[in-house]
């Protein structure tokens, strides 16, 4: 499947911490609050189904890109996102395919 480029707008005042990223200690699934993603979609005129109903890599990519931009603006590190980034780097270094982000459903 070809990659699709889209312009994503983070609403003024929306902080990365609003995602409330957390990781289930048993399943290691990443969980987060969907409300900030919904606000981003609304601001960007993007159908939320791109992130909710399609490949989970879509929402993982959005979160990753937002986090990098957040850090560039001087934002605080997020321990869950940092753990995920470290896992992806370790998998890539080992020659494996990164696939550590598994979203089992966020807060409604």
C-alpha atoms as a PDB file:
ATOM      1  CA  UNK A   1       0.000   0.000   0.000  1.00  0.00           C
ATOM      2  CA  UNK A   2       1.351   3.439  -0.915  1.00  0.00           C
ATOM      3  CA  UNK A   3       2.006   5.993   1.786  1.00  0.00           C
ATOM      4  CA  UNK A   4      -0.413   8.896   1.918  1.00  0.00           C
ATOM      5  CA  UNK A   5       0.733  12.351   2.925  1.00  0.00           C
ATOM      6  CA  UNK A   6      -1.618  14.646   4.805  1.00  0.00           C
ATOM      7  CA  UNK A   7      -1.316  17.946   6.583  1.00  0.00           C
ATOM      8  CA  UNK A   8      -1.886  17.544  10.299  1.00  0.00           C
ATOM      9  CA  UNK A   9      -2.626  20.567  12.459  1.00  0.00           C
ATOM     10  CA  UNK A  10      -2.175  20.376  16.226  1.00  0.00           C
ATOM     11  CA  UNK A  11      -4.691  22.769  17.805  1.00  0.00           C
ATOM     12  CA  UNK A  12      -3.208  25.676  19.759  1.00  0.00           C
ATOM     13  CA  UNK A  13      -2.849  24.777  23.401  1.00  0.00           C
ATOM     14  CA  UNK A  14      -3.171  21.020  22.880  1.00  0.00           C
ATOM     15  CA  UNK A  15      -0.284  19.396  24.725  1.00  0.00           C
ATOM     16  CA  UNK A  16       1.169  15.961  24.028  1.00  0.00           C
ATOM     17  CA  UNK A  17       0.501  14.997  27.643  1.00  0.00           C
ATOM     18  CA  UNK A  18      -3.251  15.203  26.883  1.00  0.00           C
ATOM     19  CA  UNK A  19      -2.898  11.760  25.267  1.00  0.00           C
ATOM     20  CA  UNK A  20      -2.271  10.263  28.719  1.00  0.00           C
ATOM     21  CA  UNK A  21      -0.083   7.569  27.157  1.00  0.00           C
ATOM     22  CA  UNK A  22       0.217   4.477  29.287  1.00  0.00           C
ATOM     23  CA  UNK A  23       1.172   0.869  28.836  1.00  0.00           C
ATOM     24  CA  UNK A  24      -0.629  -2.155  30.199  1.00  0.00           C
ATOM     25  CA  UNK A  25       1.933  -3.915  32.409  1.00  0.00           C
ATOM     26  CA  UNK A  26       0.657  -7.376  31.439  1.00  0.00           C
ATOM     27  CA  UNK A  27      -0.129  -7.127  27.714  1.00  0.00           C
ATOM     28  CA  UNK A  28       2.247  -4.209  27.007  1.00  0.00           C
ATOM     29  CA  UNK A  29      -0.497  -2.677  24.845  1.00  0.00           C
ATOM     30  CA  UNK A  30      -0.248   1.083  24.503  1.00  0.00           C
ATOM     31  CA  UNK A  31      -3.341   2.901  25.667  1.00  0.00           C
ATOM     32  CA  UNK A  32      -4.241   6.562  25.295  1.00  0.00           C
ATOM     33  CA  UNK A  33      -7.089   9.029  25.388  1.00  0.00           C
ATOM     34  CA  UNK A  34      -8.679   9.424  21.945  1.00  0.00           C
ATOM     35  CA  UNK A  35     -10.002  12.961  22.591  1.00  0.00           C
ATOM     36  CA  UNK A  36      -6.754  14.720  21.515  1.00  0.00           C
ATOM     37  CA  UNK A  37      -6.636  12.630  18.312  1.00  0.00           C
ATOM     38  CA  UNK A  38     -10.235  13.601  17.601  1.00  0.00           C
ATOM     39  CA  UNK A  39      -9.374  17.300  18.113  1.00  0.00           C
ATOM     40  CA  UNK A  40      -6.408  16.998  15.743  1.00  0.00           C
ATOM     41  CA  UNK A  41      -8.619  15.361  13.116  1.00  0.00           C
ATOM     42  CA  UNK A  42     -11.246  18.065  13.510  1.00  0.00           C
ATOM     43  CA  UNK A  43      -8.650  20.849  13.192  1.00  0.00           C
ATOM     44  CA  UNK A  44      -6.983  19.112  10.230  1.00  0.00           C
ATOM     45  CA  UNK A  45     -10.202  18.131   8.445  1.00  0.00           C
ATOM     46  CA  UNK A  46      -9.185  14.452   8.544  1.00  0.00           C
ATOM     47  CA  UNK A  47     -11.680  11.611   8.947  1.00  0.00           C
ATOM     48  CA  UNK A  48     -11.037  10.042  12.373  1.00  0.00           C
ATOM     49  CA  UNK A  49     -11.549   6.612  10.800  1.00  0.00           C
ATOM     50  CA  UNK A  50      -8.097   6.972   9.214  1.00  0.00           C
ATOM     51  CA  UNK A  51      -6.773   6.488  12.745  1.00  0.00           C
ATOM     52  CA  UNK A  52      -9.521   4.496  14.473  1.00  0.00           C
ATOM     53  CA  UNK A  53     -10.544   1.988  11.811  1.00  0.00           C
ATOM     54  CA  UNK A  54      -7.520   1.563   9.564  1.00  0.00           C
ATOM     55  CA  UNK A  55      -4.028   0.209  10.199  1.00  0.00           C
ATOM     56  CA  UNK A  56      -2.837   0.975  13.738  1.00  0.00           C
ATOM     57  CA  UNK A  57       0.410   2.226  12.203  1.00  0.00           C
ATOM     58  CA  UNK A  58      -1.562   5.337  11.192  1.00  0.00           C
ATOM     59  CA  UNK A  59      -2.274   6.437  14.743  1.00  0.00           C
ATOM     60  CA  UNK A  60       1.173   5.286  15.904  1.00  0.00           C
ATOM     61  CA  UNK A  61       2.743   7.419  13.166  1.00  0.00           C
ATOM     62  CA  UNK A  62       0.660  10.435  14.149  1.00  0.00           C
ATOM     63  CA  UNK A  63       1.637  10.063  17.804  1.00  0.00           C
ATOM     64  CA  UNK A  64       5.290   9.619  16.870  1.00  0.00           C
ATOM     65  CA  UNK A  65       5.363  12.685  14.605  1.00  0.00           C
ATOM     66  CA  UNK A  66       3.508  14.773  17.205  1.00  0.00           C
ATOM     67  CA  UNK A  67       5.972  13.676  19.892  1.00  0.00           C
ATOM     68  CA  UNK A  68       9.011  14.630  17.813  1.00  0.00           C
ATOM     69  CA  UNK A  69       7.480  18.037  17.089  1.00  0.00           C
ATOM     70  CA  UNK A  70       6.597  18.396  20.790  1.00  0.00           C
ATOM     71  CA  UNK A  71      10.230  17.749  21.742  1.00  0.00           C
ATOM     72  CA  UNK A  72      11.500  20.201  19.125  1.00  0.00           C
ATOM     73  CA  UNK A  73       9.374  22.887  20.785  1.00  0.00           C
ATOM     74  CA  UNK A  74      11.016  22.130  24.142  1.00  0.00           C
ATOM     75  CA  UNK A  75       8.294  19.860  25.496  1.00  0.00           C
ATOM     76  CA  UNK A  76       8.958  17.403  28.289  1.00  0.00           C
ATOM     77  CA  UNK A  77       9.835  13.808  27.500  1.00  0.00           C
ATOM     78  CA  UNK A  78       7.119  11.201  27.881  1.00  0.00           C
ATOM     79  CA  UNK A  79       8.322   7.984  29.580  1.00  0.00           C
ATOM     80  CA  UNK A  80       5.969   5.693  27.620  1.00  0.00           C
ATOM     81  CA  UNK A  81       6.828   7.213  24.250  1.00  0.00           C
ATOM     82  CA  UNK A  82      10.534   7.105  25.095  1.00  0.00           C
ATOM     83  CA  UNK A  83      10.212   3.401  25.957  1.00  0.00           C
ATOM     84  CA  UNK A  84       8.495   2.740  22.627  1.00  0.00           C
ATOM     85  CA  UNK A  85      11.149   4.647  20.697  1.00  0.00           C
ATOM     86  CA  UNK A  86      13.892   2.685  22.445  1.00  0.00           C
ATOM     87  CA  UNK A  87      12.169  -0.607  21.570  1.00  0.00           C
ATOM     88  CA  UNK A  88      11.849   0.369  17.918  1.00  0.00           C
ATOM     89  CA  UNK A  89      15.527   1.376  17.794  1.00  0.00           C
ATOM     90  CA  UNK A  90      16.556  -1.921  19.410  1.00  0.00           C
ATOM     91  CA  UNK A  91      14.465  -3.939  16.951  1.00  0.00           C
ATOM     92  CA  UNK A  92      15.865  -1.993  14.014  1.00  0.00           C
ATOM     93  CA  UNK A  93      19.423  -2.485  15.266  1.00  0.00           C
ATOM     94  CA  UNK A  94      18.763  -6.217  15.564  1.00  0.00           C
ATOM     95  CA  UNK A  95      17.527  -6.305  11.981  1.00  0.00           C
ATOM     96  CA  UNK A  96      13.944  -7.013  12.984  1.00  0.00           C
ATOM     97  CA  UNK A  97      10.803  -5.279  11.954  1.00  0.00           C
ATOM     98  CA  UNK A  98       9.593  -2.743  14.472  1.00  0.00           C
ATOM     99  CA  UNK A  99       6.073  -3.499  15.555  1.00  0.00           C
ATOM    100  CA  UNK A 100       5.877  -2.745  19.244  1.00  0.00           C
ATOM    101  CA  UNK A 101       2.927  -0.383  19.178  1.00  0.00           C
ATOM    102  CA  UNK A 102      -0.221  -2.367  19.659  1.00  0.00           C
ATOM    103  CA  UNK A 103      -3.279  -0.256  20.342  1.00  0.00           C
ATOM    104  CA  UNK A 104      -6.046  -2.257  21.973  1.00  0.00           C
ATOM    105  CA  UNK A 105      -8.429   0.669  22.326  1.00  0.00           C
ATOM    106  CA  UNK A 106      -8.104   3.958  24.109  1.00  0.00           C
ATOM    107  CA  UNK A 107     -10.354   5.678  26.552  1.00  0.00           C
ATOM    108  CA  UNK A 108     -13.686   6.728  25.183  1.00  0.00           C
END
